[in-house]
Full PDB file with SEQRES, HELIX, SHEET, SSBOND, CRYST1, ORIGX, SCALE, CONECT and MASTER records, all heavy atoms in Angstrom:
SEQRES   1 A   30  LEU LEU GLY LEU LEU VAL LEU ASN VAL PHE LEU GLY PRO          
SEQRES   2 A   30  ILE ALA ILE ALA LEU ALA SER VAL ALA LEU TRP ARG GLY          
SEQRES   3 A   30  THR ALA ARG ARG                                              
HELIX    1 AA1 LEU A    2  LEU A    4  5                                   3    
HELIX    2 AA2 ASN A    8  TRP A   24  1                                  17    
CRYST1    1.000    1.000    1.000  90.00  90.00  90.00 P 1           1          
ORIGX1      1.000000  0.000000  0.000000        0.00000                         
ORIGX2      0.000000  1.000000  0.000000        0.00000                         
ORIGX3      0.000000  0.000000  1.000000        0.00000                         
SCALE1      1.000000  0.000000  0.000000        0.00000                         
SCALE2      0.000000  1.000000  0.000000        0.00000                         
SCALE3      0.000000  0.000000  1.000000        0.00000                         
ATOM      1  N   LEU A   1     127.855 177.447  47.428  1.00  0.00           N  
ATOM      2  CA  LEU A   1     129.279 177.533  47.777  1.00  0.00           C  
ATOM      3  C   LEU A   1     129.481 178.228  49.116  1.00  0.00           C  
ATOM      4  O   LEU A   1     130.256 177.766  49.964  1.00  0.00           O  
ATOM      5  CB  LEU A   1     130.044 178.305  46.698  1.00  0.00           C  
ATOM      6  CG  LEU A   1     130.486 177.540  45.477  1.00  0.00           C  
ATOM      7  CD1 LEU A   1     131.130 178.481  44.479  1.00  0.00           C  
ATOM      8  CD2 LEU A   1     131.429 176.428  45.840  1.00  0.00           C  
ATOM      9  N   LEU A   2     128.802 179.330  49.294  1.00  0.00           N  
ATOM     10  CA  LEU A   2     128.927 180.080  50.542  1.00  0.00           C  
ATOM     11  C   LEU A   2     128.396 179.275  51.727  1.00  0.00           C  
ATOM     12  O   LEU A   2     128.937 179.339  52.832  1.00  0.00           O  
ATOM     13  CB  LEU A   2     128.180 181.410  50.418  1.00  0.00           C  
ATOM     14  CG  LEU A   2     128.348 182.418  51.529  1.00  0.00           C  
ATOM     15  CD1 LEU A   2     129.815 182.815  51.662  1.00  0.00           C  
ATOM     16  CD2 LEU A   2     127.499 183.634  51.258  1.00  0.00           C  
ATOM     17  N   GLY A   3     127.356 178.499  51.470  1.00  0.00           N  
ATOM     18  CA  GLY A   3     126.764 177.695  52.531  1.00  0.00           C  
ATOM     19  C   GLY A   3     127.672 176.597  53.059  1.00  0.00           C  
ATOM     20  O   GLY A   3     127.472 176.101  54.165  1.00  0.00           O  
ATOM     21  N   LEU A   4     128.664 176.193  52.272  1.00  0.00           N  
ATOM     22  CA  LEU A   4     129.612 175.191  52.775  1.00  0.00           C  
ATOM     23  C   LEU A   4     130.462 175.751  53.906  1.00  0.00           C  
ATOM     24  O   LEU A   4     130.994 174.998  54.719  1.00  0.00           O  
ATOM     25  CB  LEU A   4     130.516 174.691  51.645  1.00  0.00           C  
ATOM     26  CG  LEU A   4     129.841 173.793  50.615  1.00  0.00           C  
ATOM     27  CD1 LEU A   4     130.794 173.507  49.473  1.00  0.00           C  
ATOM     28  CD2 LEU A   4     129.358 172.507  51.263  1.00  0.00           C  
ATOM     29  N   LEU A   5     130.586 177.076  53.949  1.00  0.00           N  
ATOM     30  CA  LEU A   5     131.433 177.706  54.962  1.00  0.00           C  
ATOM     31  C   LEU A   5     130.634 178.264  56.139  1.00  0.00           C  
ATOM     32  O   LEU A   5     131.035 178.102  57.287  1.00  0.00           O  
ATOM     33  CB  LEU A   5     132.256 178.827  54.324  1.00  0.00           C  
ATOM     34  CG  LEU A   5     133.173 178.394  53.183  1.00  0.00           C  
ATOM     35  CD1 LEU A   5     133.805 179.612  52.543  1.00  0.00           C  
ATOM     36  CD2 LEU A   5     134.221 177.429  53.693  1.00  0.00           C  
ATOM     37  N   VAL A   6     129.549 178.962  55.843  1.00  0.00           N  
ATOM     38  CA  VAL A   6     128.780 179.619  56.908  1.00  0.00           C  
ATOM     39  C   VAL A   6     127.283 179.463  56.645  1.00  0.00           C  
ATOM     40  O   VAL A   6     126.854 179.358  55.510  1.00  0.00           O  
ATOM     41  CB  VAL A   6     129.111 181.132  57.010  1.00  0.00           C  
ATOM     42  CG1 VAL A   6     130.533 181.360  57.465  1.00  0.00           C  
ATOM     43  CG2 VAL A   6     128.848 181.836  55.711  1.00  0.00           C  
ATOM     44  N   LEU A   7     126.521 179.468  57.693  1.00  0.00           N  
ATOM     45  CA  LEU A   7     125.054 179.498  57.633  1.00  0.00           C  
ATOM     46  C   LEU A   7     124.449 178.441  56.720  1.00  0.00           C  
ATOM     47  O   LEU A   7     123.485 178.698  55.997  1.00  0.00           O  
ATOM     48  CB  LEU A   7     124.569 180.884  57.207  1.00  0.00           C  
ATOM     49  CG  LEU A   7     124.901 182.050  58.128  1.00  0.00           C  
ATOM     50  CD1 LEU A   7     124.511 183.358  57.472  1.00  0.00           C  
ATOM     51  CD2 LEU A   7     124.219 181.899  59.468  1.00  0.00           C  
ATOM     52  N   ASN A   8     125.014 177.240  56.760  1.00  0.00           N  
ATOM     53  CA  ASN A   8     124.511 176.205  55.863  1.00  0.00           C  
ATOM     54  C   ASN A   8     123.085 175.774  56.187  1.00  0.00           C  
ATOM     55  O   ASN A   8     122.387 175.277  55.321  1.00  0.00           O  
ATOM     56  CB  ASN A   8     125.444 175.007  55.794  1.00  0.00           C  
ATOM     57  CG  ASN A   8     125.836 174.490  57.145  1.00  0.00           C  
ATOM     58  OD1 ASN A   8     125.376 174.988  58.156  1.00  0.00           O  
ATOM     59  ND2 ASN A   8     126.698 173.503  57.161  1.00  0.00           N  
ATOM     60  N   VAL A   9     122.625 176.006  57.402  1.00  0.00           N  
ATOM     61  CA  VAL A   9     121.254 175.656  57.753  1.00  0.00           C  
ATOM     62  C   VAL A   9     120.256 176.545  57.007  1.00  0.00           C  
ATOM     63  O   VAL A   9     119.140 176.125  56.712  1.00  0.00           O  
ATOM     64  CB  VAL A   9     121.030 175.705  59.289  1.00  0.00           C  
ATOM     65  CG1 VAL A   9     121.057 177.123  59.812  1.00  0.00           C  
ATOM     66  CG2 VAL A   9     119.743 175.008  59.676  1.00  0.00           C  
ATOM     67  N   PHE A  10     120.669 177.762  56.641  1.00  0.00           N  
ATOM     68  CA  PHE A  10     119.805 178.667  55.889  1.00  0.00           C  
ATOM     69  C   PHE A  10     120.119 178.653  54.392  1.00  0.00           C  
ATOM     70  O   PHE A  10     119.209 178.615  53.560  1.00  0.00           O  
ATOM     71  CB  PHE A  10     119.949 180.112  56.402  1.00  0.00           C  
ATOM     72  CG  PHE A  10     119.538 180.278  57.826  1.00  0.00           C  
ATOM     73  CD1 PHE A  10     120.479 180.544  58.802  1.00  0.00           C  
ATOM     74  CD2 PHE A  10     118.211 180.162  58.200  1.00  0.00           C  
ATOM     75  CE1 PHE A  10     120.114 180.685  60.113  1.00  0.00           C  
ATOM     76  CE2 PHE A  10     117.830 180.314  59.515  1.00  0.00           C  
ATOM     77  CZ  PHE A  10     118.779 180.577  60.487  1.00  0.00           C  
ATOM     78  N   LEU A  11     121.392 178.719  54.065  1.00  0.00           N  
ATOM     79  CA  LEU A  11     121.780 178.856  52.668  1.00  0.00           C  
ATOM     80  C   LEU A  11     121.585 177.571  51.863  1.00  0.00           C  
ATOM     81  O   LEU A  11     121.330 177.633  50.659  1.00  0.00           O  
ATOM     82  CB  LEU A  11     123.228 179.331  52.568  1.00  0.00           C  
ATOM     83  CG  LEU A  11     123.499 180.716  53.164  1.00  0.00           C  
ATOM     84  CD1 LEU A  11     124.964 181.080  53.003  1.00  0.00           C  
ATOM     85  CD2 LEU A  11     122.612 181.753  52.531  1.00  0.00           C  
ATOM     86  N   GLY A  12     121.700 176.425  52.508  1.00  0.00           N  
ATOM     87  CA  GLY A  12     121.496 175.153  51.809  1.00  0.00           C  
ATOM     88  C   GLY A  12     120.091 175.019  51.240  1.00  0.00           C  
ATOM     89  O   GLY A  12     119.915 174.781  50.037  1.00  0.00           O  
ATOM     90  N   PRO A  13     119.051 175.170  52.080  1.00  0.00           N  
ATOM     91  CA  PRO A  13     117.689 175.081  51.537  1.00  0.00           C  
ATOM     92  C   PRO A  13     117.364 176.175  50.513  1.00  0.00           C  
ATOM     93  O   PRO A  13     116.631 175.921  49.555  1.00  0.00           O  
ATOM     94  CB  PRO A  13     116.804 175.218  52.776  1.00  0.00           C  
ATOM     95  CG  PRO A  13     117.653 174.761  53.898  1.00  0.00           C  
ATOM     96  CD  PRO A  13     119.040 175.174  53.544  1.00  0.00           C  
ATOM     97  N   ILE A  14     117.913 177.371  50.708  1.00  0.00           N  
ATOM     98  CA  ILE A  14     117.665 178.437  49.734  1.00  0.00           C  
ATOM     99  C   ILE A  14     118.298 178.077  48.397  1.00  0.00           C  
ATOM    100  O   ILE A  14     117.689 178.272  47.332  1.00  0.00           O  
ATOM    101  CB  ILE A  14     118.194 179.788  50.257  1.00  0.00           C  
ATOM    102  CG1 ILE A  14     117.370 180.249  51.455  1.00  0.00           C  
ATOM    103  CG2 ILE A  14     118.169 180.840  49.162  1.00  0.00           C  
ATOM    104  CD1 ILE A  14     117.937 181.461  52.152  1.00  0.00           C  
ATOM    105  N   ALA A  15     119.506 177.532  48.415  1.00  0.00           N  
ATOM    106  CA  ALA A  15     120.176 177.116  47.177  1.00  0.00           C  
ATOM    107  C   ALA A  15     119.386 176.003  46.488  1.00  0.00           C  
ATOM    108  O   ALA A  15     119.238 176.014  45.258  1.00  0.00           O  
ATOM    109  CB  ALA A  15     121.604 176.658  47.478  1.00  0.00           C  
ATOM    110  N   ILE A  16     118.853 175.077  47.255  1.00  0.00           N  
ATOM    111  CA  ILE A  16     118.054 173.987  46.684  1.00  0.00           C  
ATOM    112  C   ILE A  16     116.790 174.538  46.037  1.00  0.00           C  
ATOM    113  O   ILE A  16     116.422 174.156  44.922  1.00  0.00           O  
ATOM    114  CB  ILE A  16     117.724 172.936  47.770  1.00  0.00           C  
ATOM    115  CG1 ILE A  16     118.998 172.224  48.202  1.00  0.00           C  
ATOM    116  CG2 ILE A  16     116.682 171.945  47.270  1.00  0.00           C  
ATOM    117  CD1 ILE A  16     118.827 171.355  49.438  1.00  0.00           C  
ATOM    118  N   ALA A  17     116.122 175.453  46.730  1.00  0.00           N  
ATOM    119  CA  ALA A  17     114.879 176.022  46.202  1.00  0.00           C  
ATOM    120  C   ALA A  17     115.131 176.839  44.932  1.00  0.00           C  
ATOM    121  O   ALA A  17     114.400 176.705  43.944  1.00  0.00           O  
ATOM    122  CB  ALA A  17     114.213 176.886  47.269  1.00  0.00           C  
ATOM    123  N   LEU A  18     116.167 177.672  44.937  1.00  0.00           N  
ATOM    124  CA  LEU A  18     116.472 178.481  43.756  1.00  0.00           C  
ATOM    125  C   LEU A  18     116.849 177.608  42.560  1.00  0.00           C  
ATOM    126  O   LEU A  18     116.436 177.882  41.428  1.00  0.00           O  
ATOM    127  CB  LEU A  18     117.593 179.468  44.062  1.00  0.00           C  
ATOM    128  CG  LEU A  18     117.225 180.687  44.897  1.00  0.00           C  
ATOM    129  CD1 LEU A  18     118.475 181.493  45.236  1.00  0.00           C  
ATOM    130  CD2 LEU A  18     116.223 181.553  44.174  1.00  0.00           C  
ATOM    131  N   ALA A  19     117.642 176.577  42.807  1.00  0.00           N  
ATOM    132  CA  ALA A  19     118.035 175.689  41.709  1.00  0.00           C  
ATOM    133  C   ALA A  19     116.821 174.948  41.151  1.00  0.00           C  
ATOM    134  O   ALA A  19     116.681 174.797  39.935  1.00  0.00           O  
ATOM    135  CB  ALA A  19     119.087 174.702  42.197  1.00  0.00           C  
ATOM    136  N   SER A  20     115.942 174.510  42.032  1.00  0.00           N  
ATOM    137  CA  SER A  20     114.742 173.798  41.573  1.00  0.00           C  
ATOM    138  C   SER A  20     113.851 174.693  40.730  1.00  0.00           C  
ATOM    139  O   SER A  20     113.355 174.280  39.675  1.00  0.00           O  
ATOM    140  CB  SER A  20     113.956 173.269  42.771  1.00  0.00           C  
ATOM    141  OG  SER A  20     114.751 172.388  43.526  1.00  0.00           O  
ATOM    142  N   VAL A  21     113.646 175.923  41.170  1.00  0.00           N  
ATOM    143  CA  VAL A  21     112.808 176.855  40.408  1.00  0.00           C  
ATOM    144  C   VAL A  21     113.474 177.209  39.079  1.00  0.00           C  
ATOM    145  O   VAL A  21     112.798 177.297  38.046  1.00  0.00           O  
ATOM    146  CB  VAL A  21     112.512 178.127  41.246  1.00  0.00           C  
ATOM    147  CG1 VAL A  21     111.839 179.191  40.409  1.00  0.00           C  
ATOM    148  CG2 VAL A  21     111.656 177.772  42.447  1.00  0.00           C  
ATOM    149  N   ALA A  22     114.781 177.393  39.076  1.00  0.00           N  
ATOM    150  CA  ALA A  22     115.493 177.704  37.836  1.00  0.00           C  
ATOM    151  C   ALA A  22     115.358 176.556  36.835  1.00  0.00           C  
ATOM    152  O   ALA A  22     115.136 176.791  35.641  1.00  0.00           O  
ATOM    153  CB  ALA A  22     116.958 178.000  38.124  1.00  0.00           C  
ATOM    154  N   LEU A  23     115.493 175.331  37.299  1.00  0.00           N  
ATOM    155  CA  LEU A  23     115.333 174.183  36.404  1.00  0.00           C  
ATOM    156  C   LEU A  23     113.895 174.055  35.924  1.00  0.00           C  
ATOM    157  O   LEU A  23     113.643 173.716  34.763  1.00  0.00           O  
ATOM    158  CB  LEU A  23     115.782 172.903  37.112  1.00  0.00           C  
ATOM    159  CG  LEU A  23     117.289 172.783  37.333  1.00  0.00           C  
ATOM    160  CD1 LEU A  23     117.594 171.617  38.256  1.00  0.00           C  
ATOM    161  CD2 LEU A  23     118.005 172.626  36.009  1.00  0.00           C  
ATOM    162  N   TRP A  24     112.953 174.339  36.785  1.00  0.00           N  
ATOM    163  CA  TRP A  24     111.548 174.241  36.428  1.00  0.00           C  
ATOM    164  C   TRP A  24     111.177 175.291  35.376  1.00  0.00           C  
ATOM    165  O   TRP A  24     110.389 175.027  34.481  1.00  0.00           O  
ATOM    166  CB  TRP A  24     110.693 174.401  37.683  1.00  0.00           C  
ATOM    167  CG  TRP A  24     109.230 174.302  37.430  1.00  0.00           C  
ATOM    168  CD1 TRP A  24     108.525 173.197  37.052  1.00  0.00           C  
ATOM    169  CD2 TRP A  24     108.287 175.365  37.524  1.00  0.00           C  
ATOM    170  NE1 TRP A  24     107.200 173.504  36.912  1.00  0.00           N  
ATOM    171  CE2 TRP A  24     107.022 174.839  37.203  1.00  0.00           C  
ATOM    172  CE3 TRP A  24     108.380 176.709  37.857  1.00  0.00           C  
ATOM    173  CZ2 TRP A  24     105.887 175.608  37.197  1.00  0.00           C  
ATOM    174  CZ3 TRP A  24     107.229 177.461  37.854  1.00  0.00           C  
ATOM    175  CH2 TRP A  24     106.000 176.912  37.530  1.00  0.00           C  
ATOM    176  N   ARG A  25     111.780 176.476  35.456  1.00  0.00           N  
ATOM    177  CA  ARG A  25     111.506 177.550  34.496  1.00  0.00           C  
ATOM    178  C   ARG A  25     112.299 177.402  33.202  1.00  0.00           C  
ATOM    179  O   ARG A  25     112.130 178.187  32.286  1.00  0.00           O  
ATOM    180  CB  ARG A  25     111.824 178.913  35.108  1.00  0.00           C  
ATOM    181  CG  ARG A  25     110.842 179.342  36.136  1.00  0.00           C  
ATOM    182  CD  ARG A  25     111.105 180.753  36.543  1.00  0.00           C  
ATOM    183  NE  ARG A  25     110.141 181.217  37.528  1.00  0.00           N  
ATOM    184  CZ  ARG A  25     110.098 182.449  37.978  1.00  0.00           C  
ATOM    185  NH1 ARG A  25     110.949 183.350  37.537  1.00  0.00           N  
ATOM    186  NH2 ARG A  25     109.204 182.794  38.862  1.00  0.00           N  
ATOM    187  N   GLY A  26     113.163 176.418  33.120  1.00  0.00           N  
ATOM    188  CA  GLY A  26     113.899 176.165  31.894  1.00  0.00           C  
ATOM    189  C   GLY A  26     115.086 177.080  31.683  1.00  0.00           C  
ATOM    190  O   GLY A  26     115.201 177.701  30.642  1.00  0.00           O  
ATOM    191  N   THR A  27     115.959 177.139  32.656  1.00  0.00           N  
ATOM    192  CA  THR A  27     117.131 178.000  32.548  1.00  0.00           C  
ATOM    193  C   THR A  27     118.075 177.511  31.458  1.00  0.00           C  
ATOM    194  O   THR A  27     118.133 176.314  31.159  1.00  0.00           O  
ATOM    195  CB  THR A  27     117.873 178.067  33.895  1.00  0.00           C  
ATOM    196  OG1 THR A  27     118.990 178.929  33.768  1.00  0.00           O  
ATOM    197  CG2 THR A  27     118.364 176.707  34.343  1.00  0.00           C  
ATOM    198  N   ALA A  28     118.798 178.460  30.879  1.00  0.00           N  
ATOM    199  CA  ALA A  28     119.820 178.106  29.902  1.00  0.00           C  
ATOM    200  C   ALA A  28     121.085 177.624  30.599  1.00  0.00           C  
ATOM    201  O   ALA A  28     121.944 177.001  29.986  1.00  0.00           O  
ATOM    202  CB  ALA A  28     120.141 179.314  29.021  1.00  0.00           C  
ATOM    203  N   ARG A  29     121.197 177.897  31.882  1.00  0.00           N  
ATOM    204  CA  ARG A  29     122.379 177.503  32.674  1.00  0.00           C  
ATOM    205  C   ARG A  29     122.035 176.285  33.543  1.00  0.00           C  
ATOM    206  O   ARG A  29     122.100 176.332  34.765  1.00  0.00           O  
ATOM    207  CB  ARG A  29     122.832 178.668  33.533  1.00  0.00           C  
ATOM    208  CG  ARG A  29     123.225 179.850  32.707  1.00  0.00           C  
ATOM    209  CD  ARG A  29     123.669 180.992  33.552  1.00  0.00           C  
ATOM    210  NE  ARG A  29     124.018 182.118  32.702  1.00  0.00           N  
ATOM    211  CZ  ARG A  29     124.800 183.092  33.054  1.00  0.00           C  
ATOM    212  NH1 ARG A  29     125.314 183.115  34.259  1.00  0.00           N  
ATOM    213  NH2 ARG A  29     125.064 184.067  32.238  1.00  0.00           N  
ATOM    214  N   ARG A  30     121.694 175.210  32.875  1.00  0.00           N  
ATOM    215  CA  ARG A  30     121.277 174.005  33.603  1.00  0.00           C  
ATOM    216  C   ARG A  30     122.414 173.438  34.454  1.00  0.00           C  
ATOM    217  O   ARG A  30     122.190 172.969  35.560  1.00  0.00           O  
ATOM    218  CB  ARG A  30     120.793 172.947  32.615  1.00  0.00           C  
ATOM    219  CG  ARG A  30     119.499 173.338  31.936  1.00  0.00           C  
ATOM    220  CD  ARG A  30     119.004 172.261  30.995  1.00  0.00           C  
ATOM    221  NE  ARG A  30     118.805 170.975  31.612  1.00  0.00           N  
ATOM    222  CZ  ARG A  30     117.722 170.619  32.303  1.00  0.00           C  
ATOM    223  NH1 ARG A  30     116.756 171.475  32.445  1.00  0.00           N  
ATOM    224  NH2 ARG A  30     117.622 169.423  32.832  1.00  0.00           N  
TER     225      ARG A  30                                                      
MASTER        0    0    0    2    0    0    0    6  224    1    0    3          
END                                                                             
C-alpha cells in the first residue's frame, strides 16, 4: 500500500518477497 505512493521501486519488490515467503511458510493470513 505504501509503495503505491512512495518508493515503489524499493517497496514493491520487498512486498512481493515478503508475501511469497509468507505463503511458502503457510501463513494463516493467506
